[in-house]
Amino acid sequence: MAKGAKRAYNKKQVERDRKRRGNRIRRVVFALLALCVVALAFVFLVFRGGSGISMGENAVGSVFAPIQNAFHSASQSIKNFFTNWRDYDDLQSAYDEIYQENQQLSLQLQASEETAAENVRLRELLDAQDRYESLDPIYAKVISRDPGVWFDTFSINKGTADGVSAGMAVVTGDGLVGHVYEAGYTYAKVRTIIDPRSGVACLVGRTRENGVMRGQITENSENADCYVYYLPNTSNIVPGDTIVTSGTDSLYPKGLLIGTVSAVSRETSTEGGYVIVTPSADFQHIEEVLVLRTVVETDQDLPSVPTPTPKPVITPTPNPQELETSAAEPTSDGYWHHPTATPEGGAEAAPQIETLPEDSWVTG
């Protein structure tokens, strides 16, 4: 009995000791927590900065600020995505309107530039029309041309209905272009001076020497230079001299500007000498022209001069009766005299000689 009671007593004692140790540990932990709270409060009160933010607040703010910024950026992105998605139709409609307006403004700008360029060309043609007023010029537009870089042949929108006919000269504000070689009722075809089939009688403005200019253009030509041949003396011609029409080819009126001399050959003979001429007109950009409707006078247009008719030789017809009865007899002076034959009917029957206009300066 005594032995079992002693074992039970020891067990209860051990349980009570364990509870006392747990209570002591809890009191120590509580005391430590209270001490930490007091220490933090002391730090907050003692080390509070002048800006009103303590070190603790700075530390907490430094830790949570990046996280807060990340959440803010993410939420803003999500908000913008849904906002843009909601306003997409409105933005697309506004973009289409702005694009169409931009296209219209671009077309208006191009039209304004084209109008300005056309005004410049028309002003030059108007000045040329004043210069060529005596040659009855008429304005015409180019409506078609042969394929290629150069305007060697082209068509205009004026024809016989407007008084245009083959052989009339065509010019621009810069100078001579060519001539009409075919005319329809409402159109005409023009062959320019750079075409190899063209020839222009010309002269040097300074020296007044005459020559014939030929076109030399081909599909591969880099420039529209022409050649002037049959000049009496090329040594008197220098680059820069002006070349104009001479008016002796019954095609172009005299004095139309053709171009300027760009080079002179070294040959001095009439057959081999030539000069190279750069035309004044731009044969890569021709849009409007003037047709000079005054026809050049030719030798066929001059009044015909009547050919003088030779005066007839009168051959008297002798009268056989008179010849039989009137014989030649010597006279006292020793000469033989034959009777004069008179036509039947007397002197009134003699042939009359026609009086020509050319005889007036003799008889007058």
Protein backbone atom coordinates (compact mmCIF):
# COMPACT_ATOMS: atom_id res chain seq x y z
CA MET A 1 0.00 0.00 0.00
CA ALA A 2 2.67 2.46 0.94
CA LYS A 3 4.62 1.74 -2.21
CA GLY A 4 1.63 2.41 -4.59
CA ALA A 5 0.74 5.63 -2.83
CA LYS A 6 4.24 6.96 -3.16
CA ARG A 7 4.19 6.30 -6.99
CA ALA A 8 0.91 8.18 -7.41
CA TYR A 9 2.22 11.08 -5.44
CA ASN A 10 5.23 11.40 -7.70
CA LYS A 11 3.07 11.48 -10.80
CA LYS A 12 0.91 14.33 -9.53
CA GLN A 13 3.96 16.23 -8.49
CA VAL A 14 5.49 15.97 -11.94
CA GLU A 15 2.25 17.27 -13.52
CA ARG A 16 2.16 20.26 -11.21
CA ASP A 17 5.80 21.08 -11.97
CA ARG A 18 5.17 21.01 -15.69
CA LYS A 19 2.25 23.42 -15.42
CA ARG A 20 4.33 25.78 -13.34
CA ARG A 21 7.09 25.77 -15.99
CA GLY A 22 4.52 26.49 -18.77
CA ASN A 23 3.11 29.38 -16.80
CA ARG A 24 6.57 30.83 -16.30
CA ILE A 25 7.36 30.54 -20.02
CA ARG A 26 4.12 32.31 -20.95
CA ARG A 27 4.82 35.09 -18.49
CA VAL A 28 8.33 35.51 -19.91
CA VAL A 29 7.01 35.64 -23.55
CA PHE A 30 4.31 38.15 -22.57
CA ALA A 31 6.90 40.25 -20.81
CA LEU A 32 9.14 40.18 -23.89
CA LEU A 33 6.25 41.20 -26.16
CA ALA A 34 5.33 44.03 -23.84
CA LEU A 35 8.95 45.11 -23.76
CA CYS A 36 9.05 45.13 -27.62
CA VAL A 37 5.88 47.21 -27.80
CA VAL A 38 7.31 49.66 -25.31
CA ALA A 39 10.57 49.79 -27.26
CA LEU A 40 8.76 50.41 -30.56
CA ALA A 41 6.68 53.12 -28.98
CA PHE A 42 9.80 54.70 -27.59
CA VAL A 43 11.49 54.59 -30.98
CA PHE A 44 8.40 56.11 -32.60
CA LEU A 45 8.30 58.93 -30.11
CA VAL A 46 12.02 59.60 -29.96
CA PHE A 47 13.12 59.12 -33.61
CA ARG A 48 10.09 60.74 -35.38
CA GLY A 49 11.37 62.86 -38.29
CA GLY A 50 10.61 66.52 -39.01
CA SER A 51 8.38 65.54 -41.91
CA GLY A 52 6.02 63.61 -39.64
CA ILE A 53 7.09 60.15 -40.97
CA SER A 54 8.88 57.82 -38.61
CA MET A 55 11.55 55.32 -39.48
CA GLY A 56 9.05 52.53 -39.10
CA GLU A 57 6.69 54.15 -41.49
CA ASN A 58 9.52 54.70 -43.94
CA ALA A 59 10.51 51.07 -43.69
CA VAL A 60 6.95 49.82 -44.19
CA GLY A 61 6.41 52.28 -47.04
CA SER A 62 9.62 51.21 -48.77
CA VAL A 63 8.50 47.59 -48.63
CA PHE A 64 4.93 48.08 -49.84
CA ALA A 65 5.46 50.96 -52.34
CA PRO A 66 6.74 48.77 -55.26
CA ILE A 67 3.92 46.32 -54.71
CA GLN A 68 1.40 49.12 -54.64
CA ASN A 69 2.85 50.58 -57.85
CA ALA A 70 2.71 47.23 -59.57
CA PHE A 71 -0.93 46.76 -58.63
CA HIS A 72 -1.70 50.32 -59.79
CA SER A 73 0.01 49.80 -63.16
CA ALA A 74 -1.75 46.53 -63.73
CA SER A 75 -5.13 47.98 -62.84
CA GLN A 76 -4.49 51.01 -65.09
CA SER A 77 -3.52 48.76 -68.01
CA ILE A 78 -6.63 46.70 -67.59
CA LYS A 79 -8.72 49.85 -67.40
CA ASN A 80 -7.11 51.29 -70.56
CA PHE A 81 -7.58 48.03 -72.44
CA PHE A 82 -11.29 47.92 -71.77
CA THR A 83 -11.61 51.66 -72.45
CA ASN A 84 -9.85 51.34 -75.83
CA TRP A 85 -11.89 48.29 -76.69
CA ARG A 86 -15.05 50.18 -75.93
CA ASP A 87 -13.99 53.23 -78.00
CA TYR A 88 -12.47 51.29 -80.93
CA ASP A 89 -15.37 51.94 -83.29
CA ASP A 90 -15.30 55.66 -82.57
CA LEU A 91 -11.54 55.80 -83.12
CA GLN A 92 -11.80 53.87 -86.40
CA SER A 93 -14.52 56.19 -87.67
CA ALA A 94 -12.48 59.25 -86.74
CA TYR A 95 -9.42 57.78 -88.48
CA ASP A 96 -11.39 57.13 -91.68
CA GLU A 97 -12.68 60.70 -91.70
CA ILE A 98 -9.19 62.12 -91.18
CA TYR A 99 -7.76 59.86 -93.91
CA GLN A 100 -10.41 60.92 -96.43
CA GLU A 101 -9.88 64.57 -95.55
CA ASN A 102 -6.15 64.14 -96.02
CA GLN A 103 -6.69 62.56 -99.44
CA GLN A 104 -8.98 65.39 -100.49
CA LEU A 105 -6.46 67.99 -99.35
CA SER A 106 -3.72 66.18 -101.29
CA LEU A 107 -5.85 66.19 -104.44
CA GLN A 108 -6.64 69.88 -103.96
CA LEU A 109 -2.94 70.62 -103.52
CA GLN A 110 -2.07 68.73 -106.71
CA ALA A 111 -4.84 70.53 -108.58
CA SER A 112 -3.58 73.88 -107.29
CA GLU A 113 -0.04 73.08 -108.37
CA GLU A 114 -1.27 71.94 -111.80
CA THR A 115 -3.33 75.11 -112.14
CA ALA A 116 -0.35 77.25 -111.20
CA ALA A 117 1.86 75.48 -113.76
CA GLU A 118 -0.85 75.81 -116.41
CA ASN A 119 -1.18 79.52 -115.66
CA VAL A 120 2.56 79.94 -116.23
CA ARG A 121 2.36 78.12 -119.57
CA LEU A 122 -0.72 80.05 -120.66
CA ARG A 123 0.90 83.33 -119.68
CA GLU A 124 3.87 82.47 -121.89
CA LEU A 125 1.52 81.52 -124.73
CA LEU A 126 -0.39 84.77 -124.25
CA ASP A 127 2.84 86.72 -124.58
CA ALA A 128 3.69 84.68 -127.68
CA GLN A 129 0.22 85.31 -129.08
CA ASP A 130 0.84 89.03 -128.77
CA ARG A 131 4.17 88.65 -130.58
CA TYR A 132 2.64 86.59 -133.40
CA GLU A 133 -0.59 88.59 -133.64
CA SER A 134 0.08 89.49 -137.27
CA LEU A 135 0.30 85.76 -138.16
CA ASP A 136 -3.26 85.01 -136.89
CA PRO A 137 -2.38 82.51 -134.13
CA ILE A 138 -4.91 80.09 -132.63
CA TYR A 139 -4.58 78.23 -129.32
CA ALA A 140 -4.60 74.40 -129.39
CA LYS A 141 -4.07 71.58 -126.90
CA VAL A 142 -2.04 68.42 -127.47
CA ILE A 143 -4.43 65.45 -127.40
CA SER A 144 -2.12 62.57 -128.38
CA ARG A 145 1.42 61.75 -129.47
CA ASP A 146 3.54 58.86 -130.60
CA PRO A 147 5.08 56.70 -127.85
CA GLY A 148 8.54 57.63 -126.71
CA VAL A 149 10.39 60.28 -124.77
CA TRP A 150 10.34 62.98 -127.45
CA PHE A 151 7.50 64.90 -129.04
CA ASP A 152 8.55 64.27 -132.66
CA THR A 153 4.94 64.00 -133.89
CA PHE A 154 1.69 64.72 -132.04
CA SER A 155 -1.95 65.68 -132.58
CA ILE A 156 -3.86 68.80 -131.53
CA ASN A 157 -7.57 69.54 -131.01
CA LYS A 158 -7.92 72.09 -133.82
CA GLY A 159 -8.59 71.32 -137.47
CA THR A 160 -10.03 72.67 -140.67
CA ALA A 161 -13.17 73.77 -138.82
CA ASP A 162 -10.96 76.28 -136.99
CA GLY A 163 -9.08 77.42 -140.06
CA VAL A 164 -6.09 75.09 -139.60
CA SER A 165 -4.61 73.51 -142.72
CA ALA A 166 -1.51 71.56 -143.71
CA GLY A 167 1.69 73.59 -143.94
CA MET A 168 0.94 76.00 -141.08
CA ALA A 169 3.69 76.67 -138.55
CA VAL A 170 3.30 75.61 -134.90
CA VAL A 171 5.04 77.43 -132.02
CA THR A 172 5.10 77.67 -128.24
CA GLY A 173 6.09 80.53 -126.00
CA ASP A 174 9.70 79.33 -126.23
CA GLY A 175 10.04 79.08 -130.01
CA LEU A 176 9.34 77.08 -133.15
CA VAL A 177 7.91 73.57 -132.72
CA GLY A 178 7.11 72.35 -136.23
CA HIS A 179 4.34 72.44 -138.83
CA VAL A 180 0.97 70.84 -139.54
CA TYR A 181 1.35 68.00 -142.04
CA GLU A 182 -2.21 66.65 -141.92
CA ALA A 183 -5.46 68.41 -140.99
CA GLY A 184 -8.83 66.86 -140.25
CA TYR A 185 -12.09 68.58 -139.47
CA THR A 186 -11.55 68.74 -135.69
CA TYR A 187 -7.89 67.73 -135.35
CA ALA A 188 -4.49 68.19 -136.93
CA LYS A 189 -1.18 66.33 -136.86
CA VAL A 190 2.09 68.14 -136.24
CA ARG A 191 5.62 67.12 -137.24
CA THR A 192 8.25 68.83 -135.13
CA ILE A 193 11.60 70.22 -136.24
CA ILE A 194 13.51 67.50 -134.34
CA ASP A 195 12.00 64.77 -136.54
CA PRO A 196 14.57 63.47 -139.05
CA ARG A 197 12.00 63.98 -141.82
CA SER A 198 11.84 67.73 -141.13
CA GLY A 199 13.88 70.44 -142.76
CA VAL A 200 13.90 74.14 -141.91
CA ALA A 201 15.47 76.97 -143.92
CA CYS A 202 17.22 79.06 -141.30
CA LEU A 203 19.80 81.77 -140.81
CA VAL A 204 22.20 82.89 -138.11
CA GLY A 205 20.84 85.98 -136.44
CA ARG A 206 24.20 87.67 -136.00
CA THR A 207 25.96 86.87 -139.29
CA ARG A 208 22.79 86.47 -141.47
CA GLU A 209 24.22 83.33 -143.09
CA ASN A 210 21.65 80.92 -144.51
CA GLY A 211 21.54 77.16 -144.03
CA VAL A 212 19.21 74.18 -143.74
CA MET A 213 18.48 72.57 -140.37
CA ARG A 214 17.73 68.86 -140.02
CA GLY A 215 16.38 66.93 -137.06
CA GLN A 216 18.49 64.06 -135.73
CA ILE A 217 16.28 62.60 -133.00
CA THR A 218 16.08 58.83 -132.40
CA GLU A 219 14.57 56.63 -129.69
CA ASN A 220 17.92 56.51 -127.87
CA SER A 221 18.78 60.21 -128.21
CA GLU A 222 19.68 61.94 -124.96
CA ASN A 223 19.00 65.44 -126.29
CA ALA A 224 17.03 67.13 -129.06
CA ASP A 225 19.97 68.75 -130.87
CA CYS A 226 19.59 69.54 -134.59
CA TYR A 227 22.22 70.09 -137.31
CA VAL A 228 22.46 73.04 -139.70
CA TYR A 229 24.20 72.36 -143.03
CA TYR A 230 25.16 74.34 -146.17
CA LEU A 231 26.44 77.35 -144.27
CA PRO A 232 28.77 79.53 -146.36
CA ASN A 233 31.33 80.00 -143.59
CA THR A 234 31.13 78.28 -140.22
CA SER A 235 34.22 80.07 -138.93
CA ASN A 236 32.16 83.21 -138.34
CA ILE A 237 29.64 81.35 -136.14
CA VAL A 238 30.23 80.87 -132.41
CA PRO A 239 28.30 78.99 -129.71
CA GLY A 240 25.50 81.13 -128.39
CA ASP A 241 24.47 82.58 -131.75
CA THR A 242 20.71 82.67 -132.30
CA ILE A 243 19.14 80.63 -135.13
CA VAL A 244 15.86 81.85 -136.68
CA THR A 245 13.78 80.86 -139.69
CA SER A 246 14.79 82.51 -142.96
CA GLY A 247 11.38 82.22 -144.64
CA THR A 248 12.86 80.90 -147.89
CA ASP A 249 11.43 77.38 -147.66
CA SER A 250 7.81 78.39 -148.39
CA LEU A 251 6.83 76.74 -145.09
CA TYR A 252 7.78 78.83 -142.06
CA PRO A 253 7.41 82.60 -141.71
CA LYS A 254 10.64 84.53 -141.41
CA GLY A 255 12.08 85.40 -138.00
CA LEU A 256 10.67 82.57 -135.82
CA LEU A 257 13.08 81.65 -133.04
CA ILE A 258 14.50 78.12 -133.44
CA GLY A 259 17.30 77.88 -130.88
CA THR A 260 20.94 78.66 -130.18
CA VAL A 261 24.21 77.27 -131.47
CA SER A 262 25.78 74.83 -129.02
CA ALA A 263 28.77 73.62 -131.10
CA VAL A 264 30.50 74.35 -134.41
CA SER A 265 32.25 71.77 -136.59
CA ARG A 266 35.88 72.25 -137.60
CA GLU A 267 35.13 71.76 -141.28
CA THR A 268 35.36 75.04 -143.19
CA SER A 269 33.94 73.91 -146.51
CA THR A 270 30.30 74.50 -147.38
CA GLU A 271 29.67 70.77 -147.91
CA GLY A 272 31.30 69.51 -144.72
CA GLY A 273 30.72 72.41 -142.32
CA TYR A 274 27.81 72.29 -139.92
CA VAL A 275 26.72 73.62 -136.54
CA ILE A 276 24.75 71.94 -133.76
CA VAL A 277 21.66 73.80 -132.56
CA THR A 278 19.82 73.30 -129.27
CA PRO A 279 16.12 74.11 -129.84
CA SER A 280 14.47 76.68 -127.58
CA ALA A 281 11.24 74.66 -127.24
CA ASP A 282 11.06 71.81 -124.73
CA PHE A 283 10.30 68.74 -126.83
CA GLN A 284 9.76 66.53 -123.79
CA HIS A 285 6.93 68.62 -122.32
CA ILE A 286 4.51 70.10 -124.87
CA GLU A 287 0.92 70.56 -123.74
CA GLU A 288 -0.34 73.70 -125.50
CA VAL A 289 0.73 75.30 -128.79
CA LEU A 290 -0.14 78.14 -131.14
CA VAL A 291 -0.90 77.46 -134.79
CA LEU A 292 0.05 80.37 -137.06
CA ARG A 293 -2.75 80.41 -139.59
CA THR A 294 -1.10 82.92 -141.94
CA VAL A 295 -0.02 80.97 -145.03
CA VAL A 296 3.48 81.74 -146.28
CA GLU A 297 3.63 83.15 -149.78
CA THR A 298 5.29 80.95 -152.39
CA ASP A 299 6.30 81.49 -155.99
CA GLN A 300 3.08 79.77 -156.98
CA ASP A 301 1.12 82.51 -155.22
CA LEU A 302 2.71 85.28 -157.28
CA PRO A 303 0.65 86.73 -160.17
CA SER A 304 1.53 85.20 -163.51
CA VAL A 305 3.33 87.44 -166.04
CA PRO A 306 2.03 87.02 -169.62
CA THR A 307 4.61 85.74 -172.09
CA PRO A 308 5.17 88.22 -174.97
CA THR A 309 3.89 86.95 -178.32
CA PRO A 310 6.43 87.33 -181.16
CA LYS A 311 5.46 89.87 -183.75
CA PRO A 312 4.35 88.16 -186.99
CA VAL A 313 6.48 88.58 -190.09
CA ILE A 314 4.45 89.93 -192.96
CA THR A 315 5.08 88.09 -196.21
CA PRO A 316 3.43 89.99 -199.09
CA THR A 317 1.63 87.90 -201.66
CA PRO A 318 2.38 89.14 -205.18
CA ASN A 319 -0.40 89.70 -207.72
CA PRO A 320 0.32 87.63 -210.81
CA GLN A 321 -1.36 90.16 -213.09
CA GLU A 322 0.71 92.99 -211.72
CA LEU A 323 3.86 90.91 -212.01
CA GLU A 324 3.04 90.20 -215.63
CA THR A 325 2.28 93.81 -216.56
CA SER A 326 4.76 95.49 -214.32
CA ALA A 327 8.18 94.54 -215.28
CA ALA A 328 11.32 95.97 -213.86
CA GLU A 329 12.71 98.71 -216.04
CA PRO A 330 15.85 100.73 -215.62
CA THR A 331 15.41 104.40 -214.95
CA SER A 332 17.44 107.36 -215.83
CA ASP A 333 19.52 107.06 -212.65
CA GLY A 334 20.72 103.59 -213.69
CA TYR A 335 18.92 101.58 -210.92
CA TRP A 336 16.34 98.84 -211.37
CA HIS A 337 13.02 99.41 -209.51
CA HIS A 338 10.53 96.59 -208.89
CA PRO A 339 6.83 97.33 -208.25
CA THR A 340 5.60 96.88 -204.65
CA ALA A 341 3.14 94.03 -204.14
CA THR A 342 -0.02 95.14 -202.38
CA PRO A 343 -2.48 92.58 -200.98
CA GLU A 344 -5.95 92.44 -202.47
CA GLY A 345 -8.27 94.81 -200.75
CA GLY A 346 -5.73 97.53 -200.20
CA ALA A 347 -3.82 98.52 -197.10
CA GLU A 348 -6.81 97.80 -194.88
CA ALA A 349 -6.41 94.07 -195.54
CA ALA A 350 -2.89 93.90 -194.00
CA PRO A 351 -2.63 91.75 -190.78
CA GLN A 352 -2.83 93.75 -187.54
CA ILE A 353 0.00 93.30 -184.90
CA GLU A 354 -1.25 92.69 -181.35
CA THR A 355 -0.20 95.34 -178.84
CA LEU A 356 1.05 93.71 -175.53
CA PRO A 357 1.13 95.35 -172.08
CA GLU A 358 4.93 95.03 -172.09
CA ASP A 359 5.08 97.34 -175.14
CA SER A 360 3.61 100.28 -173.26
CA TRP A 361 6.97 101.32 -171.80
CA VAL A 362 8.42 101.43 -175.33
CA THR A 363 5.58 103.20 -177.15
CA GLY A 364 4.81 105.45 -174.23
